[in-house]
Amino acid sequence: MYARAPGIMLVVVVTAVIYLILLHRVLDRLRMDKKTALILVALMYVGGFLPSLPLGGGLALNVGGMGIPLGICAYLVIKAPGKEEKLRGPLTALAGAALVWSLDRLLPINPGSLGYELDPLYLPAAAAGLIAYLLGRSRRSAFIGGIGSIFLMDLSSWAENMIRGFRYIPVVLGGGGVFDAALVAGVVGTLLAEVIGEVKERLSGGPREEK
């Protein structure tokens, strides 16, 4: 067991590095320059180790895992061209959260049960990517939808605790830092929307409109 430990650590480190590279690529593809994207990745990584900001009632906010990502989402909404495009990202987040909330109650709790093998961590990512593509083939919508759906799900869990009288059960928004489910959903959702768009572009024989 101990002999395999260094190999396992190497896989974990390599996976983390690949993920951070993909995160940088996603931010770059969202029409941020490479330097800005690199600074944001570094800030999210460092921010994930900072103490979470208490918001009251057991709710807290991790700067790297949710604070900065929400700021990026707000920036993307503000910079989106046209009212329709500004609404598409938040609507994708709402639709993704509703779908994941439904799946969370319909599917087995543990992967592997009844042939269900998909880790729940990837459900918001897949939902956000597919919904974003259906709503407008937009990387921006997929990124906002992935992060927003996790944010809304965590917020609903906290609200449910409050309603049930469990007012001080800790709920940390983005508690996993840069590796939190919110950013994973944003990254994978964006890449999924991009891959689907690229495949359709090649099949149709022409470039698709980028939003």
N, C-alpha and C. Protein backbone atom coordinates (compact mmCIF):
# COMPACT_ATOMS: atom_id res chain seq x y z
N MET A 1 0.84 -1.20 0.00
CA MET A 1 0.00 0.00 0.00
C MET A 1 0.87 1.25 0.00
N TYR A 2 1.91 1.26 0.85
CA TYR A 2 2.77 2.42 0.94
C TYR A 2 3.62 2.59 -0.31
N ALA A 3 3.93 1.44 -0.98
CA ALA A 3 4.73 1.52 -2.19
C ALA A 3 3.98 2.22 -3.31
N ARG A 4 2.65 2.10 -3.30
CA ARG A 4 1.85 2.72 -4.34
C ARG A 4 1.51 4.17 -4.03
N ALA A 5 1.74 4.59 -2.78
CA ALA A 5 1.37 5.95 -2.37
C ALA A 5 2.02 7.03 -3.23
N PRO A 6 3.34 6.97 -3.51
CA PRO A 6 3.93 8.01 -4.37
C PRO A 6 3.30 8.06 -5.75
N GLY A 7 2.94 6.89 -6.32
CA GLY A 7 2.29 6.86 -7.62
C GLY A 7 0.93 7.51 -7.58
N ILE A 8 0.18 7.26 -6.50
CA ILE A 8 -1.14 7.87 -6.35
C ILE A 8 -1.02 9.38 -6.22
N MET A 9 -0.03 9.84 -5.44
CA MET A 9 0.19 11.26 -5.29
C MET A 9 0.55 11.91 -6.61
N LEU A 10 1.36 11.21 -7.42
CA LEU A 10 1.76 11.74 -8.72
C LEU A 10 0.54 11.91 -9.63
N VAL A 11 -0.37 10.92 -9.61
CA VAL A 11 -1.59 11.01 -10.41
C VAL A 11 -2.44 12.20 -9.96
N VAL A 12 -2.55 12.38 -8.64
CA VAL A 12 -3.33 13.49 -8.10
C VAL A 12 -2.73 14.82 -8.53
N VAL A 13 -1.42 14.94 -8.42
CA VAL A 13 -0.74 16.19 -8.79
C VAL A 13 -0.90 16.48 -10.28
N VAL A 14 -0.69 15.45 -11.11
CA VAL A 14 -0.82 15.63 -12.56
C VAL A 14 -2.25 16.02 -12.93
N THR A 15 -3.24 15.37 -12.29
CA THR A 15 -4.65 15.69 -12.55
C THR A 15 -4.95 17.14 -12.16
N ALA A 16 -4.41 17.58 -11.00
CA ALA A 16 -4.63 18.95 -10.55
C ALA A 16 -4.00 19.95 -11.52
N VAL A 17 -2.80 19.65 -12.01
CA VAL A 17 -2.12 20.55 -12.95
C VAL A 17 -2.91 20.65 -14.26
N ILE A 18 -3.37 19.50 -14.76
CA ILE A 18 -4.16 19.48 -16.00
C ILE A 18 -5.44 20.31 -15.82
N TYR A 19 -6.08 20.16 -14.67
CA TYR A 19 -7.30 20.91 -14.39
C TYR A 19 -7.03 22.41 -14.38
N LEU A 20 -5.92 22.83 -13.74
CA LEU A 20 -5.59 24.25 -13.70
C LEU A 20 -5.28 24.79 -15.10
N ILE A 21 -4.64 23.97 -15.93
CA ILE A 21 -4.37 24.36 -17.31
C ILE A 21 -5.68 24.53 -18.07
N LEU A 22 -6.62 23.60 -17.86
CA LEU A 22 -7.93 23.71 -18.51
C LEU A 22 -8.69 24.93 -18.03
N LEU A 23 -8.59 25.23 -16.73
CA LEU A 23 -9.24 26.42 -16.18
C LEU A 23 -8.69 27.68 -16.86
N HIS A 24 -7.38 27.73 -17.01
CA HIS A 24 -6.75 28.87 -17.70
C HIS A 24 -7.23 28.96 -19.15
N ARG A 25 -7.33 27.81 -19.81
CA ARG A 25 -7.80 27.80 -21.20
C ARG A 25 -9.24 28.31 -21.30
N VAL A 26 -10.08 27.87 -20.36
CA VAL A 26 -11.48 28.29 -20.38
C VAL A 26 -11.59 29.80 -20.23
N LEU A 27 -10.85 30.37 -19.26
CA LEU A 27 -10.88 31.82 -19.06
C LEU A 27 -10.34 32.55 -20.29
N ASP A 28 -9.32 31.99 -20.89
CA ASP A 28 -8.77 32.58 -22.11
C ASP A 28 -9.78 32.54 -23.25
N ARG A 29 -10.53 31.44 -23.35
CA ARG A 29 -11.54 31.31 -24.40
C ARG A 29 -12.75 32.20 -24.15
N LEU A 30 -12.88 32.69 -22.92
CA LEU A 30 -13.95 33.63 -22.61
C LEU A 30 -13.53 35.06 -22.91
N ARG A 31 -12.55 35.17 -23.80
CA ARG A 31 -12.09 36.46 -24.33
C ARG A 31 -11.40 37.32 -23.27
N MET A 32 -10.71 36.64 -22.35
CA MET A 32 -9.78 37.33 -21.45
C MET A 32 -8.38 37.06 -21.98
N ASP A 33 -7.48 38.03 -21.83
CA ASP A 33 -6.12 37.77 -22.31
C ASP A 33 -5.44 36.77 -21.39
N LYS A 34 -4.39 36.13 -21.90
CA LYS A 34 -3.73 35.04 -21.18
C LYS A 34 -3.16 35.50 -19.83
N LYS A 35 -2.66 36.72 -19.77
CA LYS A 35 -2.11 37.22 -18.50
C LYS A 35 -3.20 37.38 -17.45
N THR A 36 -4.33 37.97 -17.84
CA THR A 36 -5.45 38.13 -16.91
C THR A 36 -5.97 36.78 -16.44
N ALA A 37 -6.09 35.83 -17.38
CA ALA A 37 -6.57 34.50 -17.03
C ALA A 37 -5.62 33.82 -16.03
N LEU A 38 -4.31 33.99 -16.24
CA LEU A 38 -3.33 33.38 -15.34
C LEU A 38 -3.41 34.00 -13.95
N ILE A 39 -3.58 35.32 -13.89
CA ILE A 39 -3.70 36.01 -12.60
C ILE A 39 -4.94 35.53 -11.86
N LEU A 40 -6.05 35.37 -12.58
CA LEU A 40 -7.29 34.93 -11.96
C LEU A 40 -7.16 33.51 -11.41
N VAL A 41 -6.51 32.63 -12.18
CA VAL A 41 -6.29 31.26 -11.71
C VAL A 41 -5.45 31.28 -10.43
N ALA A 42 -4.40 32.09 -10.41
CA ALA A 42 -3.54 32.19 -9.23
C ALA A 42 -4.31 32.73 -8.03
N LEU A 43 -5.14 33.75 -8.26
CA LEU A 43 -5.92 34.33 -7.17
C LEU A 43 -6.93 33.33 -6.61
N MET A 44 -7.56 32.55 -7.50
CA MET A 44 -8.52 31.54 -7.03
C MET A 44 -7.82 30.44 -6.25
N TYR A 45 -6.64 30.06 -6.71
CA TYR A 45 -5.88 29.01 -6.01
C TYR A 45 -5.49 29.49 -4.61
N VAL A 46 -4.92 30.68 -4.52
CA VAL A 46 -4.51 31.22 -3.21
C VAL A 46 -5.73 31.51 -2.35
N GLY A 47 -6.78 32.08 -2.97
CA GLY A 47 -7.99 32.40 -2.21
C GLY A 47 -8.67 31.20 -1.60
N GLY A 48 -8.46 30.03 -2.20
CA GLY A 48 -9.06 28.81 -1.66
C GLY A 48 -8.51 28.43 -0.29
N PHE A 49 -7.30 28.92 0.03
CA PHE A 49 -6.68 28.60 1.32
C PHE A 49 -6.95 29.65 2.39
N LEU A 50 -7.59 30.76 1.98
CA LEU A 50 -7.90 31.80 2.96
C LEU A 50 -9.12 31.40 3.79
N PRO A 51 -9.24 31.94 5.00
CA PRO A 51 -10.43 31.64 5.82
C PRO A 51 -11.70 32.08 5.09
N SER A 52 -12.74 31.26 5.17
CA SER A 52 -14.01 31.59 4.52
C SER A 52 -14.66 32.78 5.22
N LEU A 53 -15.35 33.59 4.44
CA LEU A 53 -16.00 34.78 4.99
C LEU A 53 -17.37 34.41 5.55
N PRO A 54 -17.61 34.60 6.86
CA PRO A 54 -18.92 34.27 7.43
C PRO A 54 -19.99 35.23 6.95
N LEU A 55 -21.12 34.66 6.54
CA LEU A 55 -22.24 35.47 6.06
C LEU A 55 -23.43 35.43 7.01
N GLY A 56 -23.33 34.62 8.08
CA GLY A 56 -24.40 34.53 9.06
C GLY A 56 -25.22 33.26 8.91
N GLY A 57 -25.75 32.77 10.03
CA GLY A 57 -26.61 31.59 10.03
C GLY A 57 -25.92 30.32 9.58
N GLY A 58 -24.60 30.25 9.78
CA GLY A 58 -23.85 29.06 9.37
C GLY A 58 -23.39 29.10 7.93
N LEU A 59 -23.76 30.14 7.19
CA LEU A 59 -23.37 30.27 5.79
C LEU A 59 -22.06 31.04 5.69
N ALA A 60 -21.14 30.53 4.85
CA ALA A 60 -19.86 31.19 4.65
C ALA A 60 -19.48 31.13 3.18
N LEU A 61 -18.54 31.99 2.78
CA LEU A 61 -18.13 32.09 1.38
C LEU A 61 -16.63 31.92 1.27
N ASN A 62 -16.21 30.94 0.47
CA ASN A 62 -14.79 30.76 0.18
C ASN A 62 -14.41 31.69 -0.97
N VAL A 63 -13.39 32.51 -0.77
CA VAL A 63 -13.02 33.52 -1.75
C VAL A 63 -12.59 32.89 -3.08
N GLY A 64 -11.73 31.89 -3.01
CA GLY A 64 -11.22 31.27 -4.23
C GLY A 64 -12.21 30.36 -4.92
N GLY A 65 -13.01 29.65 -4.14
CA GLY A 65 -13.92 28.68 -4.71
C GLY A 65 -15.24 29.24 -5.20
N MET A 66 -15.66 30.41 -4.64
CA MET A 66 -16.96 30.94 -5.05
C MET A 66 -16.94 32.46 -5.22
N GLY A 67 -16.22 33.18 -4.38
CA GLY A 67 -16.22 34.64 -4.45
C GLY A 67 -15.70 35.16 -5.78
N ILE A 68 -14.48 34.76 -6.15
CA ILE A 68 -13.90 35.21 -7.41
C ILE A 68 -14.66 34.66 -8.61
N PRO A 69 -15.04 33.35 -8.62
CA PRO A 69 -15.84 32.84 -9.75
C PRO A 69 -17.14 33.60 -9.96
N LEU A 70 -17.84 33.97 -8.87
CA LEU A 70 -19.06 34.76 -9.02
C LEU A 70 -18.76 36.14 -9.58
N GLY A 71 -17.62 36.70 -9.19
CA GLY A 71 -17.20 37.98 -9.74
C GLY A 71 -16.95 37.89 -11.24
N ILE A 72 -16.33 36.79 -11.67
CA ILE A 72 -16.09 36.57 -13.10
C ILE A 72 -17.42 36.44 -13.83
N CYS A 73 -18.36 35.70 -13.23
CA CYS A 73 -19.69 35.55 -13.85
C CYS A 73 -20.38 36.90 -14.00
N ALA A 74 -20.29 37.74 -12.96
CA ALA A 74 -20.91 39.07 -13.02
C ALA A 74 -20.27 39.89 -14.14
N TYR A 75 -18.95 39.80 -14.27
CA TYR A 75 -18.23 40.52 -15.34
C TYR A 75 -18.70 40.05 -16.71
N LEU A 76 -18.85 38.72 -16.88
CA LEU A 76 -19.28 38.18 -18.17
C LEU A 76 -20.70 38.62 -18.52
N VAL A 77 -21.56 38.70 -17.51
CA VAL A 77 -22.93 39.16 -17.75
C VAL A 77 -22.93 40.63 -18.17
N ILE A 78 -22.15 41.45 -17.47
CA ILE A 78 -22.08 42.88 -17.78
C ILE A 78 -21.54 43.11 -19.19
N LYS A 79 -20.53 42.33 -19.57
CA LYS A 79 -19.88 42.51 -20.87
C LYS A 79 -20.63 41.82 -22.01
N ALA A 80 -21.64 41.03 -21.71
CA ALA A 80 -22.38 40.32 -22.76
C ALA A 80 -23.09 41.32 -23.66
N PRO A 81 -23.03 41.08 -24.98
CA PRO A 81 -23.69 42.00 -25.92
C PRO A 81 -25.19 41.76 -25.99
N GLY A 82 -25.97 42.76 -25.72
CA GLY A 82 -27.42 42.64 -25.85
C GLY A 82 -28.10 42.07 -24.63
N LYS A 83 -29.36 42.47 -24.46
CA LYS A 83 -30.15 42.05 -23.29
C LYS A 83 -30.37 40.54 -23.29
N GLU A 84 -30.62 39.95 -24.46
CA GLU A 84 -30.87 38.52 -24.54
C GLU A 84 -29.67 37.71 -24.07
N GLU A 85 -28.47 38.13 -24.49
CA GLU A 85 -27.26 37.42 -24.10
C GLU A 85 -26.96 37.62 -22.61
N LYS A 86 -27.30 38.77 -22.07
CA LYS A 86 -27.09 39.03 -20.65
C LYS A 86 -27.96 38.10 -19.79
N LEU A 87 -29.16 37.77 -20.31
CA LEU A 87 -30.08 36.92 -19.55
C LEU A 87 -29.77 35.44 -19.72
N ARG A 88 -29.10 35.07 -20.81
CA ARG A 88 -28.91 33.66 -21.13
C ARG A 88 -28.11 32.91 -20.06
N GLY A 89 -27.03 33.54 -19.54
CA GLY A 89 -26.21 32.89 -18.53
C GLY A 89 -26.98 32.62 -17.24
N PRO A 90 -27.60 33.65 -16.62
CA PRO A 90 -28.39 33.41 -15.41
C PRO A 90 -29.53 32.41 -15.62
N LEU A 91 -30.19 32.46 -16.79
CA LEU A 91 -31.26 31.50 -17.06
C LEU A 91 -30.71 30.08 -17.16
N THR A 92 -29.51 29.94 -17.72
CA THR A 92 -28.85 28.63 -17.79
C THR A 92 -28.56 28.11 -16.38
N ALA A 93 -28.12 29.02 -15.49
CA ALA A 93 -27.85 28.62 -14.11
C ALA A 93 -29.12 28.14 -13.41
N LEU A 94 -30.22 28.85 -13.61
CA LEU A 94 -31.49 28.45 -13.01
C LEU A 94 -31.96 27.11 -13.56
N ALA A 95 -31.86 26.94 -14.90
CA ALA A 95 -32.29 25.69 -15.51
C ALA A 95 -31.41 24.53 -15.06
N GLY A 96 -30.08 24.77 -14.99
CA GLY A 96 -29.16 23.74 -14.53
C GLY A 96 -29.41 23.34 -13.09
N ALA A 97 -29.64 24.34 -12.23
CA ALA A 97 -29.91 24.06 -10.82
C ALA A 97 -31.20 23.25 -10.66
N ALA A 98 -32.24 23.62 -11.44
CA ALA A 98 -33.51 22.90 -11.36
C ALA A 98 -33.34 21.45 -11.80
N LEU A 99 -32.58 21.26 -12.89
CA LEU A 99 -32.36 19.89 -13.39
C LEU A 99 -31.56 19.06 -12.40
N VAL A 100 -30.47 19.64 -11.87
CA VAL A 100 -29.63 18.91 -10.92
C VAL A 100 -30.39 18.63 -9.63
N TRP A 101 -31.21 19.58 -9.19
CA TRP A 101 -32.03 19.38 -7.99
C TRP A 101 -32.96 18.18 -8.20
N SER A 102 -33.55 18.09 -9.39
CA SER A 102 -34.45 16.97 -9.70
C SER A 102 -33.69 15.66 -9.76
N LEU A 103 -32.54 15.67 -10.42
CA LEU A 103 -31.74 14.44 -10.53
C LEU A 103 -31.25 13.99 -9.16
N ASP A 104 -30.94 14.96 -8.31
CA ASP A 104 -30.44 14.64 -6.97
C ASP A 104 -31.47 13.85 -6.17
N ARG A 105 -32.74 14.05 -6.48
CA ARG A 105 -33.82 13.36 -5.76
C ARG A 105 -34.31 12.12 -6.48
N LEU A 106 -34.00 11.99 -7.75
CA LEU A 106 -34.46 10.85 -8.51
C LEU A 106 -33.42 9.73 -8.60
N LEU A 107 -32.14 10.11 -8.68
CA LEU A 107 -31.08 9.13 -8.87
C LEU A 107 -30.59 8.60 -7.53
N PRO A 108 -29.97 7.42 -7.51
CA PRO A 108 -29.42 6.87 -6.27
C PRO A 108 -28.37 7.79 -5.67
N ILE A 109 -28.23 7.73 -4.35
CA ILE A 109 -27.27 8.58 -3.66
C ILE A 109 -25.84 8.19 -4.02
N ASN A 110 -25.57 6.87 -4.07
CA ASN A 110 -24.22 6.40 -4.32
C ASN A 110 -24.06 5.94 -5.76
N PRO A 111 -23.02 6.44 -6.49
CA PRO A 111 -22.76 5.94 -7.83
C PRO A 111 -22.53 4.43 -7.80
N GLY A 112 -23.02 3.72 -8.78
CA GLY A 112 -22.89 2.27 -8.82
C GLY A 112 -24.19 1.57 -8.50
N SER A 113 -25.10 2.29 -7.85
CA SER A 113 -26.40 1.71 -7.53
C SER A 113 -27.29 1.70 -8.76
N LEU A 114 -27.93 0.57 -9.01
CA LEU A 114 -28.87 0.43 -10.12
C LEU A 114 -28.25 0.82 -11.46
N GLY A 115 -26.94 0.54 -11.60
CA GLY A 115 -26.26 0.84 -12.85
C GLY A 115 -25.89 2.30 -13.02
N TYR A 116 -26.07 3.09 -12.00
CA TYR A 116 -25.77 4.52 -12.06
C TYR A 116 -24.31 4.74 -11.67
N GLU A 117 -23.48 5.14 -12.64
CA GLU A 117 -22.05 5.23 -12.40
C GLU A 117 -21.50 6.65 -12.39
N LEU A 118 -22.29 7.64 -12.77
CA LEU A 118 -21.80 9.00 -12.89
C LEU A 118 -21.73 9.67 -11.53
N ASP A 119 -20.53 10.18 -11.19
CA ASP A 119 -20.36 10.89 -9.93
C ASP A 119 -21.22 12.16 -9.94
N PRO A 120 -21.96 12.44 -8.85
CA PRO A 120 -22.82 13.63 -8.81
C PRO A 120 -22.08 14.93 -9.08
N LEU A 121 -20.75 14.94 -8.86
CA LEU A 121 -19.97 16.15 -9.09
C LEU A 121 -20.09 16.61 -10.54
N TYR A 122 -20.26 15.66 -11.47
CA TYR A 122 -20.25 16.01 -12.89
C TYR A 122 -21.64 16.30 -13.45
N LEU A 123 -22.68 16.07 -12.68
CA LEU A 123 -24.03 16.33 -13.17
C LEU A 123 -24.25 17.80 -13.51
N PRO A 124 -23.87 18.74 -12.62
CA PRO A 124 -24.07 20.15 -12.97
C PRO A 124 -23.29 20.55 -14.22
N ALA A 125 -22.08 20.02 -14.36
CA ALA A 125 -21.27 20.35 -15.52
C ALA A 125 -21.94 19.90 -16.81
N ALA A 126 -22.38 18.65 -16.82
CA ALA A 126 -23.05 18.12 -18.02
C ALA A 126 -24.34 18.87 -18.29
N ALA A 127 -25.12 19.12 -17.24
CA ALA A 127 -26.39 19.83 -17.41
C ALA A 127 -26.16 21.25 -17.93
N ALA A 128 -25.18 21.96 -17.35
CA ALA A 128 -24.92 23.34 -17.76
C ALA A 128 -24.44 23.40 -19.21
N GLY A 129 -23.54 22.48 -19.58
CA GLY A 129 -23.03 22.48 -20.94
C GLY A 129 -24.11 22.21 -21.97
N LEU A 130 -24.94 21.21 -21.71
CA LEU A 130 -26.01 20.87 -22.65
C LEU A 130 -27.06 21.97 -22.72
N ILE A 131 -27.47 22.49 -21.55
CA ILE A 131 -28.50 23.52 -21.54
C ILE A 131 -27.97 24.79 -22.20
N ALA A 132 -26.70 25.15 -21.92
CA ALA A 132 -26.13 26.35 -22.53
C ALA A 132 -26.10 26.22 -24.04
N TYR A 133 -25.75 25.03 -24.53
CA TYR A 133 -25.71 24.84 -25.98
C TYR A 133 -27.11 24.96 -26.58
N LEU A 134 -28.09 24.36 -25.91
CA LEU A 134 -29.46 24.41 -26.41
C LEU A 134 -30.02 25.83 -26.38
N LEU A 135 -29.61 26.62 -25.37
CA LEU A 135 -30.12 27.98 -25.25
C LEU A 135 -29.38 28.98 -26.14
N GLY A 136 -28.21 28.60 -26.64
CA GLY A 136 -27.53 29.58 -27.48
C GLY A 136 -26.11 29.27 -27.87
N ARG A 137 -25.62 28.06 -27.62
CA ARG A 137 -24.29 27.65 -28.03
C ARG A 137 -23.22 28.61 -27.50
N SER A 138 -23.31 29.01 -26.28
CA SER A 138 -22.44 30.04 -25.74
C SER A 138 -21.53 29.49 -24.65
N ARG A 139 -20.21 29.69 -24.81
CA ARG A 139 -19.27 29.32 -23.74
C ARG A 139 -19.57 30.14 -22.49
N ARG A 140 -19.91 31.39 -22.70
CA ARG A 140 -20.22 32.27 -21.58
C ARG A 140 -21.38 31.70 -20.76
N SER A 141 -22.42 31.26 -21.43
CA SER A 141 -23.58 30.71 -20.73
C SER A 141 -23.23 29.43 -19.99
N ALA A 142 -22.37 28.61 -20.60
CA ALA A 142 -21.99 27.35 -19.97
C ALA A 142 -21.19 27.60 -18.70
N PHE A 143 -20.27 28.56 -18.75
CA PHE A 143 -19.45 28.88 -17.58
C PHE A 143 -20.32 29.43 -16.45
N ILE A 144 -21.14 30.42 -16.79
CA ILE A 144 -22.04 31.01 -15.79
C ILE A 144 -23.02 29.96 -15.28
N GLY A 145 -23.54 29.14 -16.19
CA GLY A 145 -24.50 28.11 -15.79
C GLY A 145 -23.91 27.06 -14.88
N GLY A 146 -22.67 26.64 -15.16
CA GLY A 146 -22.02 25.64 -14.31
C GLY A 146 -21.79 26.14 -12.91
N ILE A 147 -21.20 27.33 -12.80
CA ILE A 147 -20.93 27.91 -11.48
C ILE A 147 -22.23 28.29 -10.79
N GLY A 148 -23.12 28.93 -11.53
CA GLY A 148 -24.37 29.38 -10.94
C GLY A 148 -25.25 28.26 -10.44
N SER A 149 -25.26 27.14 -11.15
CA SER A 149 -26.10 26.02 -10.72
C SER A 149 -25.62 25.45 -9.38
N ILE A 150 -24.30 25.33 -9.22
CA ILE A 150 -23.75 24.85 -7.94
C ILE A 150 -24.02 25.87 -6.83
N PHE A 151 -23.84 27.15 -7.14
CA PHE A 151 -24.10 28.20 -6.16
C PHE A 151 -25.55 28.14 -5.67
N LEU A 152 -26.48 28.01 -6.60
CA LEU A 152 -27.90 27.95 -6.24
C LEU A 152 -28.23 26.68 -5.46
N MET A 153 -27.59 25.56 -5.83
CA MET A 153 -27.82 24.31 -5.11
C MET A 153 -27.32 24.40 -3.67
N ASP A 154 -26.11 24.96 -3.48
CA ASP A 154 -25.57 25.12 -2.13
C ASP A 154 -26.43 26.08 -1.31
N LEU A 155 -26.88 27.14 -1.98
CA LEU A 155 -27.71 28.12 -1.29
C LEU A 155 -29.05 27.51 -0.89
N SER A 156 -29.60 26.65 -1.75
CA SER A 156 -30.87 26.01 -1.42
C SER A 156 -30.71 25.03 -0.26
N SER A 157 -29.53 24.38 -0.19
CA SER A 157 -29.27 23.47 0.94
C SER A 157 -29.24 24.25 2.24
N TRP A 158 -28.59 25.42 2.21
CA TRP A 158 -28.55 26.26 3.41
C TRP A 158 -29.96 26.74 3.78
N ALA A 159 -30.74 27.17 2.78
CA ALA A 159 -32.10 27.63 3.04
C ALA A 159 -32.96 26.51 3.62
N GLU A 160 -32.76 25.30 3.11
CA GLU A 160 -33.52 24.16 3.63
C GLU A 160 -33.18 23.91 5.09
N ASN A 161 -31.88 24.04 5.43
CA ASN A 161 -31.48 23.89 6.83
C ASN A 161 -32.15 24.95 7.72
N MET A 162 -32.20 26.17 7.20
CA MET A 162 -32.82 27.25 7.97
C MET A 162 -34.30 26.99 8.20
N ILE A 163 -34.99 26.52 7.17
CA ILE A 163 -36.42 26.25 7.28
C ILE A 163 -36.69 25.14 8.28
N ARG A 164 -35.82 24.15 8.31
CA ARG A 164 -35.98 23.02 9.23
C ARG A 164 -35.51 23.33 10.65
N GLY A 165 -34.96 24.52 10.84
CA GLY A 165 -34.53 24.90 12.18
C GLY A 165 -33.08 24.61 12.48
N PHE A 166 -32.34 24.08 11.50
CA PHE A 166 -30.92 23.80 11.70
C PHE A 166 -30.12 25.05 11.28
N ARG A 167 -30.15 26.04 12.12
CA ARG A 167 -29.67 27.36 11.73
C ARG A 167 -28.17 27.52 11.76
N TYR A 168 -27.44 26.61 12.34
CA TYR A 168 -26.00 26.80 12.46
C TYR A 168 -25.22 25.61 11.92
N ILE A 169 -25.83 24.82 11.03
CA ILE A 169 -25.08 23.78 10.33
C ILE A 169 -24.22 24.48 9.27
N PRO A 170 -22.90 24.30 9.29
CA PRO A 170 -22.03 25.04 8.37
C PRO A 170 -22.30 24.67 6.91
N VAL A 171 -22.47 25.67 6.07
CA VAL A 171 -22.54 25.51 4.62
C VAL A 171 -21.58 26.52 4.03
N VAL A 172 -20.50 26.03 3.42
CA VAL A 172 -19.49 26.91 2.85
C VAL A 172 -19.64 26.93 1.34
N LEU A 173 -19.98 28.06 0.79
CA LEU A 173 -20.10 28.22 -0.65
C LEU A 173 -18.71 28.19 -1.27
N GLY A 174 -18.47 27.21 -2.14
CA GLY A 174 -17.15 27.08 -2.76
C GLY A 174 -16.09 26.58 -1.80
N GLY A 175 -16.49 25.74 -0.85
CA GLY A 175 -15.57 25.28 0.19
C GLY A 175 -14.38 24.50 -0.31
N GLY A 176 -14.45 23.97 -1.53
CA GLY A 176 -13.33 23.20 -2.08
C GLY A 176 -12.27 24.06 -2.74
N GLY A 177 -12.40 25.39 -2.63
CA GLY A 177 -11.42 26.27 -3.25
C GLY A 177 -11.46 26.16 -4.77
N VAL A 178 -10.31 26.27 -5.39
CA VAL A 178 -10.24 26.24 -6.86
C VAL A 178 -10.67 24.89 -7.41
N PHE A 179 -10.69 23.86 -6.56
CA PHE A 179 -11.11 22.53 -6.99
C PHE A 179 -12.55 22.22 -6.58
N ASP A 180 -13.29 23.25 -6.19
CA ASP A 180 -14.67 23.05 -5.78
C ASP A 180 -15.55 22.64 -6.96
N ALA A 181 -16.68 22.01 -6.65
CA ALA A 181 -17.60 21.54 -7.69
C ALA A 181 -18.07 22.69 -8.58
N ALA A 182 -18.16 23.90 -8.04
CA ALA A 182 -18.63 25.04 -8.84
C ALA A 182 -17.71 25.32 -10.01
N LEU A 183 -16.42 25.41 -9.74
CA LEU A 183 -15.46 25.68 -10.81
C LEU A 183 -15.31 24.48 -11.74
N VAL A 184 -15.36 23.27 -11.16
CA VAL A 184 -15.31 22.08 -12.01
C VAL A 184 -16.48 22.09 -12.98
N ALA A 185 -17.66 22.44 -12.49
CA ALA A 185 -18.85 22.50 -13.34
C ALA A 185 -18.69 23.58 -14.41
N GLY A 186 -18.15 24.75 -14.02
CA GLY A 186 -17.94 25.81 -14.99
C GLY A 186 -16.96 25.42 -16.08
N VAL A 187 -15.86 24.78 -15.69
CA VAL A 187 -14.83 24.37 -16.65
C VAL A 187 -15.35 23.28 -17.58
N VAL A 188 -15.90 22.21 -16.99
CA VAL A 188 -16.37 21.09 -17.81
C VAL A 188 -17.56 21.51 -18.65
N GLY A 189 -18.45 22.31 -18.09
CA GLY A 189 -19.60 22.78 -18.85
C GLY A 189 -19.18 23.60 -20.06
N THR A 190 -18.21 24.49 -19.88
CA THR A 190 -17.72 25.30 -20.99
C THR A 190 -17.07 24.45 -22.07
N LEU A 191 -16.21 23.50 -21.64
CA LEU A 191 -15.54 22.64 -22.60
C LEU A 191 -16.55 21.76 -23.34
N LEU A 192 -17.57 21.31 -22.62
CA LEU A 192 -18.59 20.47 -23.25
C LEU A 192 -19.36 21.26 -24.31
N ALA A 193 -19.74 22.50 -23.97
CA ALA A 193 -20.44 23.33 -24.94
C ALA A 193 -19.56 23.60 -26.16
N GLU A 194 -18.26 23.80 -25.91
CA GLU A 194 -17.34 24.06 -27.01
C GLU A 194 -17.17 22.84 -27.91
N VAL A 195 -17.02 21.67 -27.29
CA VAL A 195 -16.86 20.44 -28.07
C VAL A 195 -18.09 20.17 -28.93
N ILE A 196 -19.27 20.30 -28.33
CA ILE A 196 -20.51 20.07 -29.08
C ILE A 196 -20.60 21.05 -30.25
N GLY A 197 -20.26 22.31 -29.98
CA GLY A 197 -20.30 23.31 -31.04
C GLY A 197 -19.31 23.01 -32.15
N GLU A 198 -18.09 22.57 -31.77
CA GLU A 198 -17.07 22.27 -32.78
C GLU A 198 -17.48 21.08 -33.63
N VAL A 199 -18.07 20.07 -32.98
CA VAL A 199 -18.50 18.89 -33.73
C VAL A 199 -19.59 19.26 -34.72
N LYS A 200 -20.56 20.05 -34.27
CA LYS A 200 -21.64 20.46 -35.17
C LYS A 200 -21.11 21.33 -36.30
N GLU A 201 -20.12 22.18 -35.98
CA GLU A 201 -19.52 23.03 -37.00
C GLU A 201 -18.88 22.19 -38.10
N ARG A 202 -18.15 21.15 -37.70
CA ARG A 202 -17.49 20.30 -38.69
C ARG A 202 -18.51 19.52 -39.51
N LEU A 203 -19.59 19.07 -38.86
CA LEU A 203 -20.61 18.32 -39.58
C LEU A 203 -21.37 19.20 -40.56
N SER A 204 -21.56 20.48 -40.18
CA SER A 204 -22.30 21.39 -41.05
C SER A 204 -21.42 22.00 -42.13
N GLY A 205 -20.09 21.90 -41.92
CA GLY A 205 -19.16 22.40 -42.93
C GLY A 205 -18.92 23.88 -42.89
N GLY A 206 -19.29 24.54 -41.78
CA GLY A 206 -19.09 25.97 -41.69
C GLY A 206 -18.88 26.41 -40.27
N PRO A 207 -18.29 27.59 -40.05
CA PRO A 207 -18.08 28.08 -38.70
C PRO A 207 -19.37 28.47 -38.03
N ARG A 208 -19.44 28.25 -36.70
CA ARG A 208 -20.61 28.65 -35.95
C ARG A 208 -20.38 30.02 -35.34
N GLU A 209 -21.43 30.69 -35.02
CA GLU A 209 -21.32 32.02 -34.39
C GLU A 209 -20.92 31.86 -32.95
N GLU A 210 -19.86 32.57 -32.53
CA GLU A 210 -19.39 32.51 -31.17
C GLU A 210 -20.03 33.63 -30.35
N LYS A 211 -20.51 33.27 -29.14
CA LYS A 211 -21.19 34.26 -28.30
C LYS A 211 -20.48 34.36 -26.97
